Amino acid sequence: MSRYHTGMTDDTRPPSKTRRKRDAHELQSLGETLLGLKPEKLRSLGLAQELYEALIEGQKMSSREALRRHRQYIGRLMRDLDAAEIRRQLGADRDAVRRAALAFQQVEQWRDRLLGEPAGLGEFMRQHPAADADTLRRLVGEAQAESAHGKPPRAARALFRALSSVIGGGQAGARGAAEAT
């Protein structure tokens, strides 16, 4: 046995200074992420009142040095919280945004393909047999006519909404309708 053996196992040893610093920096980084969120989103995370108020106050700060000190304070407040749960909630939000963006892109690609290729509607109907082919055919014709006459793309927007309801079950429809206008 070594003369430096303390009798402590890895489980009973306190974390090293390096580990404590790394954990503090991770909490501070998470706090910076929280500083970038809107107040409604912060409220939905169920944070402690003191932390919530500190985050709102930090969002109002403009002095670089004051904000740096305030970030450290937020990191200190976060030591008492379950940071893993906050990260999980933020990760779920990012995944939902990613899925919505993917659905939106897919609807855009189909709209562009239907407007550009005559055979595109047949392919779409093979992949989505529940879609109303007559409505889609009518909207494609109207959108092409609008485009040829330089009119506002009302039918193209309606086509986008119709495709959204078929592809995403309406998930991308609300977002797509807002962004297509």
N, C-alpha and C. Protein backbone atom coordinates (compact mmCIF):
# COMPACT_ATOMS: atom_id res chain seq x y z
N MET A 1 0.84 -1.17 0.00
CA MET A 1 0.00 0.00 0.00
C MET A 1 0.89 1.23 0.00
N SER A 2 0.47 2.21 -0.75
CA SER A 2 1.24 3.44 -0.87
C SER A 2 1.04 4.29 0.39
N ARG A 3 2.03 5.08 0.71
CA ARG A 3 1.89 5.92 1.89
C ARG A 3 0.94 7.07 1.66
N TYR A 4 0.54 7.30 0.37
CA TYR A 4 -0.40 8.38 0.05
C TYR A 4 -1.84 7.88 -0.07
N HIS A 5 -2.07 6.64 0.20
CA HIS A 5 -3.42 6.09 0.10
C HIS A 5 -4.28 6.66 1.21
N THR A 6 -5.44 7.23 0.82
CA THR A 6 -6.30 7.88 1.80
C THR A 6 -7.42 6.98 2.29
N GLY A 7 -7.62 5.84 1.64
CA GLY A 7 -8.69 4.95 2.04
C GLY A 7 -10.02 5.31 1.38
N MET A 8 -10.03 6.36 0.58
CA MET A 8 -11.26 6.77 -0.11
C MET A 8 -11.34 6.07 -1.46
N THR A 9 -12.53 5.67 -1.83
CA THR A 9 -12.73 5.09 -3.15
C THR A 9 -13.15 6.20 -4.10
N ASP A 10 -13.23 5.86 -5.38
CA ASP A 10 -13.62 6.85 -6.36
C ASP A 10 -15.03 7.39 -6.10
N ASP A 11 -15.89 6.57 -5.51
CA ASP A 11 -17.26 6.99 -5.23
C ASP A 11 -17.35 7.97 -4.07
N THR A 12 -16.43 7.89 -3.11
CA THR A 12 -16.52 8.74 -1.93
C THR A 12 -15.66 9.99 -2.04
N ARG A 13 -14.81 10.07 -3.03
CA ARG A 13 -13.97 11.25 -3.20
C ARG A 13 -14.81 12.42 -3.69
N PRO A 14 -14.53 13.60 -3.20
CA PRO A 14 -15.23 14.76 -3.75
C PRO A 14 -14.72 15.01 -5.17
N PRO A 15 -15.53 15.66 -6.00
CA PRO A 15 -15.07 15.92 -7.37
C PRO A 15 -13.84 16.82 -7.36
N SER A 16 -13.00 16.60 -8.35
CA SER A 16 -11.78 17.41 -8.44
C SER A 16 -12.13 18.86 -8.76
N LYS A 17 -11.16 19.73 -8.54
CA LYS A 17 -11.36 21.14 -8.83
C LYS A 17 -11.65 21.34 -10.32
N THR A 18 -10.98 20.58 -11.15
CA THR A 18 -11.19 20.67 -12.59
C THR A 18 -12.63 20.29 -12.94
N ARG A 19 -13.09 19.21 -12.31
CA ARG A 19 -14.46 18.75 -12.57
C ARG A 19 -15.49 19.79 -12.10
N ARG A 20 -15.24 20.39 -10.95
CA ARG A 20 -16.16 21.41 -10.43
C ARG A 20 -16.19 22.63 -11.35
N LYS A 21 -15.04 23.03 -11.87
CA LYS A 21 -14.97 24.17 -12.79
C LYS A 21 -15.70 23.85 -14.10
N ARG A 22 -15.49 22.65 -14.60
CA ARG A 22 -16.15 22.24 -15.84
C ARG A 22 -17.67 22.25 -15.66
N ASP A 23 -18.14 21.72 -14.53
CA ASP A 23 -19.57 21.72 -14.24
C ASP A 23 -20.12 23.14 -14.14
N ALA A 24 -19.36 24.03 -13.50
CA ALA A 24 -19.79 25.42 -13.36
C ALA A 24 -19.87 26.09 -14.72
N HIS A 25 -18.90 25.83 -15.59
CA HIS A 25 -18.92 26.41 -16.94
C HIS A 25 -20.10 25.87 -17.76
N GLU A 26 -20.42 24.58 -17.58
CA GLU A 26 -21.55 24.00 -18.30
C GLU A 26 -22.86 24.65 -17.84
N LEU A 27 -22.99 24.86 -16.53
CA LEU A 27 -24.19 25.52 -16.02
C LEU A 27 -24.28 26.96 -16.51
N GLN A 28 -23.15 27.64 -16.55
CA GLN A 28 -23.13 29.01 -17.03
C GLN A 28 -23.51 29.05 -18.52
N SER A 29 -23.02 28.08 -19.28
CA SER A 29 -23.36 28.00 -20.70
C SER A 29 -24.86 27.74 -20.88
N LEU A 30 -25.41 26.85 -20.08
CA LEU A 30 -26.85 26.59 -20.12
C LEU A 30 -27.62 27.86 -19.75
N GLY A 31 -27.10 28.59 -18.77
CA GLY A 31 -27.72 29.86 -18.39
C GLY A 31 -27.71 30.86 -19.53
N GLU A 32 -26.63 30.90 -20.31
CA GLU A 32 -26.57 31.79 -21.47
C GLU A 32 -27.61 31.40 -22.51
N THR A 33 -27.81 30.09 -22.68
CA THR A 33 -28.85 29.62 -23.59
C THR A 33 -30.21 30.09 -23.10
N LEU A 34 -30.43 29.97 -21.79
CA LEU A 34 -31.70 30.41 -21.23
C LEU A 34 -31.90 31.91 -21.37
N LEU A 35 -30.80 32.67 -21.31
CA LEU A 35 -30.89 34.12 -21.48
C LEU A 35 -31.43 34.49 -22.86
N GLY A 36 -31.21 33.64 -23.83
CA GLY A 36 -31.66 33.92 -25.19
C GLY A 36 -33.11 33.55 -25.45
N LEU A 37 -33.78 32.93 -24.48
CA LEU A 37 -35.17 32.50 -24.68
C LEU A 37 -36.15 33.61 -24.34
N LYS A 38 -37.32 33.54 -24.92
CA LYS A 38 -38.38 34.49 -24.64
C LYS A 38 -38.97 34.20 -23.25
N PRO A 39 -39.52 35.23 -22.59
CA PRO A 39 -40.08 35.04 -21.26
C PRO A 39 -41.16 33.94 -21.19
N GLU A 40 -41.98 33.81 -22.22
CA GLU A 40 -43.02 32.78 -22.23
C GLU A 40 -42.40 31.39 -22.17
N LYS A 41 -41.32 31.21 -22.94
CA LYS A 41 -40.65 29.91 -22.95
C LYS A 41 -39.98 29.63 -21.61
N LEU A 42 -39.39 30.67 -21.02
CA LEU A 42 -38.77 30.50 -19.70
C LEU A 42 -39.81 30.07 -18.67
N ARG A 43 -40.99 30.70 -18.74
CA ARG A 43 -42.06 30.35 -17.80
C ARG A 43 -42.47 28.90 -17.98
N SER A 44 -42.50 28.42 -19.22
CA SER A 44 -42.95 27.05 -19.47
C SER A 44 -41.94 26.00 -18.97
N LEU A 45 -40.71 26.41 -18.71
CA LEU A 45 -39.70 25.47 -18.21
C LEU A 45 -39.87 25.17 -16.73
N GLY A 46 -40.66 25.97 -16.02
CA GLY A 46 -40.90 25.72 -14.60
C GLY A 46 -39.66 25.99 -13.75
N LEU A 47 -38.95 27.05 -14.04
CA LEU A 47 -37.74 27.39 -13.30
C LEU A 47 -38.11 28.00 -11.95
N ALA A 48 -37.15 27.97 -11.03
CA ALA A 48 -37.34 28.63 -9.74
C ALA A 48 -37.56 30.12 -9.98
N GLN A 49 -38.37 30.73 -9.14
CA GLN A 49 -38.72 32.14 -9.33
C GLN A 49 -37.48 33.04 -9.34
N GLU A 50 -36.54 32.78 -8.44
CA GLU A 50 -35.33 33.60 -8.36
C GLU A 50 -34.53 33.52 -9.66
N LEU A 51 -34.41 32.32 -10.21
CA LEU A 51 -33.68 32.14 -11.46
C LEU A 51 -34.43 32.81 -12.61
N TYR A 52 -35.73 32.63 -12.66
CA TYR A 52 -36.54 33.25 -13.71
C TYR A 52 -36.36 34.77 -13.70
N GLU A 53 -36.44 35.37 -12.52
CA GLU A 53 -36.28 36.82 -12.41
C GLU A 53 -34.87 37.26 -12.81
N ALA A 54 -33.86 36.45 -12.44
CA ALA A 54 -32.49 36.79 -12.81
C ALA A 54 -32.31 36.73 -14.33
N LEU A 55 -32.95 35.77 -14.96
CA LEU A 55 -32.85 35.66 -16.42
C LEU A 55 -33.52 36.84 -17.11
N ILE A 56 -34.69 37.22 -16.63
CA ILE A 56 -35.40 38.37 -17.21
C ILE A 56 -34.57 39.63 -17.01
N GLU A 57 -34.00 39.79 -15.84
CA GLU A 57 -33.16 40.96 -15.55
C GLU A 57 -31.93 40.96 -16.46
N GLY A 58 -31.32 39.80 -16.65
CA GLY A 58 -30.13 39.69 -17.50
C GLY A 58 -30.43 40.04 -18.95
N GLN A 59 -31.64 39.76 -19.41
CA GLN A 59 -32.01 40.09 -20.78
C GLN A 59 -32.08 41.59 -21.01
N LYS A 60 -32.27 42.34 -19.94
CA LYS A 60 -32.38 43.79 -20.06
C LYS A 60 -31.03 44.49 -19.97
N MET A 61 -29.98 43.78 -19.56
CA MET A 61 -28.67 44.40 -19.35
C MET A 61 -27.98 44.68 -20.67
N SER A 62 -27.26 45.80 -20.69
CA SER A 62 -26.50 46.14 -21.89
C SER A 62 -25.01 46.24 -21.62
N SER A 63 -24.62 46.44 -20.36
CA SER A 63 -23.21 46.55 -20.01
C SER A 63 -22.55 45.17 -20.08
N ARG A 64 -21.48 45.09 -20.83
CA ARG A 64 -20.81 43.81 -21.03
C ARG A 64 -20.29 43.22 -19.71
N GLU A 65 -19.66 44.03 -18.89
CA GLU A 65 -19.11 43.55 -17.63
C GLU A 65 -20.22 43.15 -16.66
N ALA A 66 -21.27 43.95 -16.59
CA ALA A 66 -22.39 43.61 -15.70
C ALA A 66 -23.04 42.31 -16.15
N LEU A 67 -23.17 42.13 -17.44
CA LEU A 67 -23.77 40.90 -17.97
C LEU A 67 -22.87 39.70 -17.68
N ARG A 68 -21.55 39.88 -17.76
CA ARG A 68 -20.63 38.78 -17.45
C ARG A 68 -20.82 38.35 -15.99
N ARG A 69 -20.86 39.30 -15.08
CA ARG A 69 -21.06 38.97 -13.66
C ARG A 69 -22.44 38.35 -13.43
N HIS A 70 -23.42 38.84 -14.15
CA HIS A 70 -24.78 38.33 -13.99
C HIS A 70 -24.87 36.88 -14.50
N ARG A 71 -24.15 36.57 -15.58
CA ARG A 71 -24.11 35.18 -16.07
C ARG A 71 -23.53 34.25 -15.01
N GLN A 72 -22.51 34.70 -14.32
CA GLN A 72 -21.93 33.88 -13.24
C GLN A 72 -22.96 33.68 -12.13
N TYR A 73 -23.70 34.73 -11.82
CA TYR A 73 -24.74 34.64 -10.80
C TYR A 73 -25.81 33.63 -11.22
N ILE A 74 -26.19 33.67 -12.49
CA ILE A 74 -27.19 32.72 -13.00
C ILE A 74 -26.65 31.30 -12.90
N GLY A 75 -25.38 31.11 -13.24
CA GLY A 75 -24.76 29.79 -13.11
C GLY A 75 -24.79 29.31 -11.67
N ARG A 76 -24.56 30.22 -10.72
CA ARG A 76 -24.61 29.86 -9.31
C ARG A 76 -26.02 29.45 -8.90
N LEU A 77 -27.01 30.17 -9.38
CA LEU A 77 -28.40 29.82 -9.06
C LEU A 77 -28.78 28.46 -9.64
N MET A 78 -28.18 28.12 -10.75
CA MET A 78 -28.53 26.87 -11.42
C MET A 78 -27.93 25.65 -10.74
N ARG A 79 -27.00 25.84 -9.84
CA ARG A 79 -26.39 24.69 -9.15
C ARG A 79 -27.43 23.88 -8.39
N ASP A 80 -28.49 24.54 -7.93
CA ASP A 80 -29.51 23.87 -7.13
C ASP A 80 -30.60 23.23 -7.98
N LEU A 81 -30.54 23.40 -9.28
CA LEU A 81 -31.58 22.89 -10.17
C LEU A 81 -31.15 21.60 -10.85
N ASP A 82 -32.13 20.93 -11.44
CA ASP A 82 -31.87 19.75 -12.25
C ASP A 82 -31.58 20.21 -13.68
N ALA A 83 -30.31 20.45 -13.95
CA ALA A 83 -29.91 20.96 -15.26
C ALA A 83 -30.21 19.94 -16.37
N ALA A 84 -30.16 18.66 -16.05
CA ALA A 84 -30.43 17.64 -17.06
C ALA A 84 -31.88 17.74 -17.55
N GLU A 85 -32.79 18.04 -16.65
CA GLU A 85 -34.20 18.17 -17.04
C GLU A 85 -34.39 19.39 -17.95
N ILE A 86 -33.73 20.49 -17.64
CA ILE A 86 -33.83 21.69 -18.48
C ILE A 86 -33.25 21.39 -19.86
N ARG A 87 -32.11 20.71 -19.90
CA ARG A 87 -31.51 20.35 -21.19
C ARG A 87 -32.43 19.44 -21.99
N ARG A 88 -33.09 18.50 -21.30
CA ARG A 88 -34.01 17.58 -21.97
C ARG A 88 -35.17 18.35 -22.60
N GLN A 89 -35.73 19.31 -21.86
CA GLN A 89 -36.84 20.11 -22.39
C GLN A 89 -36.40 20.95 -23.58
N LEU A 90 -35.23 21.54 -23.49
CA LEU A 90 -34.72 22.35 -24.60
C LEU A 90 -34.43 21.48 -25.82
N GLY A 91 -33.90 20.27 -25.57
CA GLY A 91 -33.63 19.33 -26.66
C GLY A 91 -34.90 18.89 -27.36
N ALA A 92 -35.97 18.67 -26.59
CA ALA A 92 -37.25 18.28 -27.18
C ALA A 92 -37.79 19.40 -28.06
N ASP A 93 -37.61 20.64 -27.62
CA ASP A 93 -38.05 21.78 -28.42
C ASP A 93 -37.26 21.87 -29.72
N ARG A 94 -35.95 21.65 -29.63
CA ARG A 94 -35.12 21.71 -30.84
C ARG A 94 -35.53 20.61 -31.81
N ASP A 95 -35.85 19.41 -31.30
CA ASP A 95 -36.27 18.32 -32.17
C ASP A 95 -37.59 18.65 -32.85
N ALA A 96 -38.52 19.26 -32.12
CA ALA A 96 -39.81 19.62 -32.71
C ALA A 96 -39.63 20.67 -33.80
N VAL A 97 -38.77 21.63 -33.56
CA VAL A 97 -38.50 22.67 -34.57
C VAL A 97 -37.85 22.04 -35.79
N ARG A 98 -36.93 21.12 -35.57
CA ARG A 98 -36.25 20.44 -36.68
C ARG A 98 -37.25 19.64 -37.51
N ARG A 99 -38.16 18.91 -36.85
CA ARG A 99 -39.17 18.14 -37.58
C ARG A 99 -40.10 19.05 -38.37
N ALA A 100 -40.51 20.16 -37.76
CA ALA A 100 -41.39 21.11 -38.46
C ALA A 100 -40.68 21.70 -39.68
N ALA A 101 -39.42 22.04 -39.54
CA ALA A 101 -38.66 22.60 -40.66
C ALA A 101 -38.52 21.58 -41.78
N LEU A 102 -38.30 20.32 -41.42
CA LEU A 102 -38.17 19.27 -42.41
C LEU A 102 -39.49 19.07 -43.16
N ALA A 103 -40.61 19.07 -42.44
CA ALA A 103 -41.92 18.93 -43.07
C ALA A 103 -42.19 20.12 -43.99
N PHE A 104 -41.83 21.31 -43.55
CA PHE A 104 -42.02 22.52 -44.36
C PHE A 104 -41.23 22.42 -45.66
N GLN A 105 -39.97 21.97 -45.56
CA GLN A 105 -39.13 21.83 -46.76
C GLN A 105 -39.70 20.79 -47.71
N GLN A 106 -40.22 19.71 -47.14
CA GLN A 106 -40.78 18.66 -47.99
C GLN A 106 -42.00 19.19 -48.75
N VAL A 107 -42.85 19.94 -48.07
CA VAL A 107 -44.02 20.52 -48.73
C VAL A 107 -43.58 21.50 -49.82
N GLU A 108 -42.60 22.33 -49.53
CA GLU A 108 -42.08 23.27 -50.54
C GLU A 108 -41.56 22.54 -51.77
N GLN A 109 -40.81 21.45 -51.54
CA GLN A 109 -40.25 20.69 -52.66
C GLN A 109 -41.36 20.09 -53.53
N TRP A 110 -42.39 19.55 -52.87
CA TRP A 110 -43.49 18.98 -53.64
C TRP A 110 -44.23 20.06 -54.41
N ARG A 111 -44.46 21.22 -53.80
CA ARG A 111 -45.15 22.31 -54.50
C ARG A 111 -44.36 22.72 -55.74
N ASP A 112 -43.05 22.91 -55.57
CA ASP A 112 -42.22 23.30 -56.70
C ASP A 112 -42.20 22.23 -57.78
N ARG A 113 -42.17 20.98 -57.35
CA ARG A 113 -42.15 19.88 -58.32
C ARG A 113 -43.48 19.80 -59.08
N LEU A 114 -44.59 19.97 -58.36
CA LEU A 114 -45.90 19.91 -59.02
C LEU A 114 -46.07 21.06 -60.01
N LEU A 115 -45.53 22.22 -59.67
CA LEU A 115 -45.64 23.36 -60.57
C LEU A 115 -44.68 23.25 -61.76
N GLY A 116 -43.60 22.50 -61.60
CA GLY A 116 -42.59 22.41 -62.65
C GLY A 116 -42.70 21.19 -63.54
N GLU A 117 -43.23 20.09 -63.03
CA GLU A 117 -43.28 18.84 -63.80
C GLU A 117 -44.72 18.36 -63.93
N PRO A 118 -45.16 18.07 -65.15
CA PRO A 118 -46.52 17.54 -65.32
C PRO A 118 -46.70 16.16 -64.67
N ALA A 119 -45.66 15.36 -64.65
CA ALA A 119 -45.76 14.01 -64.08
C ALA A 119 -45.66 14.01 -62.56
N GLY A 120 -45.38 15.15 -61.98
CA GLY A 120 -45.20 15.23 -60.53
C GLY A 120 -46.45 14.86 -59.76
N LEU A 121 -47.63 15.22 -60.28
CA LEU A 121 -48.88 14.93 -59.57
C LEU A 121 -49.11 13.43 -59.48
N GLY A 122 -48.81 12.70 -60.54
CA GLY A 122 -48.96 11.23 -60.51
C GLY A 122 -48.08 10.61 -59.44
N GLU A 123 -46.84 11.07 -59.35
CA GLU A 123 -45.91 10.56 -58.33
C GLU A 123 -46.41 10.90 -56.93
N PHE A 124 -46.90 12.12 -56.76
CA PHE A 124 -47.42 12.53 -55.45
C PHE A 124 -48.61 11.66 -55.06
N MET A 125 -49.50 11.39 -56.01
CA MET A 125 -50.68 10.58 -55.71
C MET A 125 -50.30 9.13 -55.39
N ARG A 126 -49.24 8.61 -56.00
CA ARG A 126 -48.78 7.26 -55.67
C ARG A 126 -48.26 7.21 -54.23
N GLN A 127 -47.59 8.26 -53.81
CA GLN A 127 -47.05 8.28 -52.45
C GLN A 127 -48.10 8.66 -51.41
N HIS A 128 -49.11 9.42 -51.83
CA HIS A 128 -50.15 9.90 -50.90
C HIS A 128 -51.52 9.63 -51.52
N PRO A 129 -51.98 8.37 -51.51
CA PRO A 129 -53.24 8.04 -52.18
C PRO A 129 -54.47 8.69 -51.56
N ALA A 130 -54.40 9.17 -50.33
CA ALA A 130 -55.55 9.78 -49.68
C ALA A 130 -55.79 11.22 -50.15
N ALA A 131 -54.85 11.78 -50.88
CA ALA A 131 -54.98 13.17 -51.33
C ALA A 131 -56.07 13.30 -52.38
N ASP A 132 -56.68 14.47 -52.44
CA ASP A 132 -57.72 14.77 -53.42
C ASP A 132 -57.05 15.24 -54.71
N ALA A 133 -56.97 14.34 -55.69
CA ALA A 133 -56.25 14.62 -56.93
C ALA A 133 -56.90 15.75 -57.72
N ASP A 134 -58.23 15.81 -57.73
CA ASP A 134 -58.90 16.85 -58.50
C ASP A 134 -58.59 18.25 -57.96
N THR A 135 -58.62 18.38 -56.65
CA THR A 135 -58.32 19.68 -56.03
C THR A 135 -56.88 20.07 -56.31
N LEU A 136 -55.96 19.13 -56.16
CA LEU A 136 -54.55 19.42 -56.40
C LEU A 136 -54.33 19.81 -57.86
N ARG A 137 -54.97 19.07 -58.78
CA ARG A 137 -54.82 19.36 -60.21
C ARG A 137 -55.34 20.78 -60.51
N ARG A 138 -56.50 21.13 -59.93
CA ARG A 138 -57.08 22.46 -60.14
C ARG A 138 -56.14 23.55 -59.59
N LEU A 139 -55.59 23.32 -58.37
CA LEU A 139 -54.71 24.32 -57.77
C LEU A 139 -53.41 24.48 -58.55
N VAL A 140 -52.89 23.37 -59.06
CA VAL A 140 -51.66 23.44 -59.87
C VAL A 140 -51.93 24.27 -61.12
N GLY A 141 -53.05 24.02 -61.80
CA GLY A 141 -53.39 24.78 -63.01
C GLY A 141 -53.56 26.27 -62.72
N GLU A 142 -54.26 26.58 -61.61
CA GLU A 142 -54.47 27.98 -61.24
C GLU A 142 -53.14 28.66 -60.91
N ALA A 143 -52.28 27.95 -60.18
CA ALA A 143 -50.98 28.53 -59.80
C ALA A 143 -50.12 28.78 -61.02
N GLN A 144 -50.14 27.85 -61.98
CA GLN A 144 -49.37 28.05 -63.20
C GLN A 144 -49.90 29.23 -64.00
N ALA A 145 -51.23 29.37 -64.06
CA ALA A 145 -51.83 30.48 -64.79
C ALA A 145 -51.48 31.81 -64.10
N GLU A 146 -51.54 31.83 -62.78
CA GLU A 146 -51.17 33.05 -62.05
C GLU A 146 -49.73 33.45 -62.33
N SER A 147 -48.86 32.46 -62.31
CA SER A 147 -47.45 32.71 -62.55
C SER A 147 -47.22 33.25 -63.96
N ALA A 148 -47.93 32.69 -64.93
CA ALA A 148 -47.77 33.12 -66.32
C ALA A 148 -48.27 34.55 -66.53
N HIS A 149 -49.27 34.96 -65.77
CA HIS A 149 -49.84 36.30 -65.92
C HIS A 149 -49.27 37.30 -64.92
N GLY A 150 -48.32 36.88 -64.11
CA GLY A 150 -47.68 37.78 -63.15
C GLY A 150 -48.58 38.21 -62.01
N LYS A 151 -49.57 37.40 -61.69
CA LYS A 151 -50.50 37.72 -60.61
C LYS A 151 -49.93 37.24 -59.27
N PRO A 152 -50.47 37.75 -58.17
CA PRO A 152 -50.04 37.27 -56.85
C PRO A 152 -50.30 35.76 -56.72
N PRO A 153 -49.42 35.05 -56.02
CA PRO A 153 -49.49 33.59 -55.98
C PRO A 153 -50.51 33.03 -54.97
N ARG A 154 -51.76 33.43 -55.10
CA ARG A 154 -52.80 32.93 -54.18
C ARG A 154 -53.00 31.43 -54.32
N ALA A 155 -53.09 30.94 -55.54
CA ALA A 155 -53.30 29.51 -55.76
C ALA A 155 -52.08 28.70 -55.32
N ALA A 156 -50.89 29.25 -55.49
CA ALA A 156 -49.68 28.55 -55.04
C ALA A 156 -49.69 28.41 -53.52
N ARG A 157 -50.19 29.43 -52.84
CA ARG A 157 -50.31 29.34 -51.37
C ARG A 157 -51.36 28.32 -50.97
N ALA A 158 -52.47 28.32 -51.69
CA ALA A 158 -53.53 27.34 -51.42
C ALA A 158 -53.01 25.93 -51.69
N LEU A 159 -52.22 25.77 -52.74
CA LEU A 159 -51.61 24.48 -53.05
C LEU A 159 -50.68 24.06 -51.91
N PHE A 160 -49.91 25.00 -51.41
CA PHE A 160 -49.00 24.71 -50.30
C PHE A 160 -49.80 24.22 -49.08
N ARG A 161 -50.88 24.90 -48.76
CA ARG A 161 -51.69 24.50 -47.61
C ARG A 161 -52.31 23.12 -47.82
N ALA A 162 -52.76 22.85 -49.04
CA ALA A 162 -53.35 21.54 -49.34
C ALA A 162 -52.30 20.44 -49.21
N LEU A 163 -51.11 20.68 -49.73
CA LEU A 163 -50.04 19.70 -49.60
C LEU A 163 -49.64 19.50 -48.14
N SER A 164 -49.63 20.59 -47.37
CA SER A 164 -49.28 20.49 -45.95
C SER A 164 -50.26 19.61 -45.21
N SER A 165 -51.53 19.75 -45.51
CA SER A 165 -52.52 18.94 -44.80
C SER A 165 -52.39 17.47 -45.16
N VAL A 166 -51.95 17.17 -46.37
CA VAL A 166 -51.77 15.77 -46.77
C VAL A 166 -50.47 15.20 -46.21
N ILE A 167 -49.37 15.92 -46.37
CA ILE A 167 -48.06 15.41 -45.97
C ILE A 167 -47.88 15.39 -44.47
N GLY A 168 -48.13 16.51 -43.83
CA GLY A 168 -47.86 16.61 -42.40
C GLY A 168 -49.08 16.45 -41.53
N GLY A 169 -50.21 16.09 -42.11
CA GLY A 169 -51.41 15.97 -41.31
C GLY A 169 -51.80 17.32 -40.73
N GLY A 170 -51.43 18.42 -41.41
CA GLY A 170 -51.76 19.75 -40.94
C GLY A 170 -50.68 20.38 -40.09
N GLN A 171 -49.61 19.64 -39.75
CA GLN A 171 -48.57 20.17 -38.87
C GLN A 171 -47.86 21.35 -39.50
N ALA A 172 -47.48 21.21 -40.76
CA ALA A 172 -46.74 22.29 -41.40
C ALA A 172 -47.68 23.32 -42.00
N GLY A 173 -48.98 23.03 -42.01
CA GLY A 173 -49.93 23.92 -42.65
C GLY A 173 -49.98 25.29 -42.05
N ALA A 174 -50.09 25.40 -40.75
CA ALA A 174 -50.21 26.71 -40.12
C ALA A 174 -48.92 27.50 -40.32
N ARG A 175 -47.80 26.86 -40.10
CA ARG A 175 -46.52 27.54 -40.27
C ARG A 175 -46.30 27.87 -41.73
N GLY A 176 -46.62 26.93 -42.61
CA GLY A 176 -46.42 27.12 -44.03
C GLY A 176 -47.29 28.24 -44.58
N ALA A 177 -48.53 28.30 -44.13
CA ALA A 177 -49.42 29.34 -44.59
C ALA A 177 -48.91 30.71 -44.17
N ALA A 178 -48.39 30.80 -42.97
CA ALA A 178 -47.86 32.07 -42.48
C ALA A 178 -46.61 32.48 -43.23
N GLU A 179 -45.75 31.51 -43.54
CA GLU A 179 -44.48 31.85 -44.18
C GLU A 179 -44.62 31.97 -45.68
N ALA A 180 -45.64 31.35 -46.28
CA ALA A 180 -45.80 31.43 -47.72
C ALA A 180 -46.40 32.75 -48.16
N THR A 181 -46.99 33.49 -47.22
CA THR A 181 -47.61 34.77 -47.58
C THR A 181 -46.60 35.88 -47.67
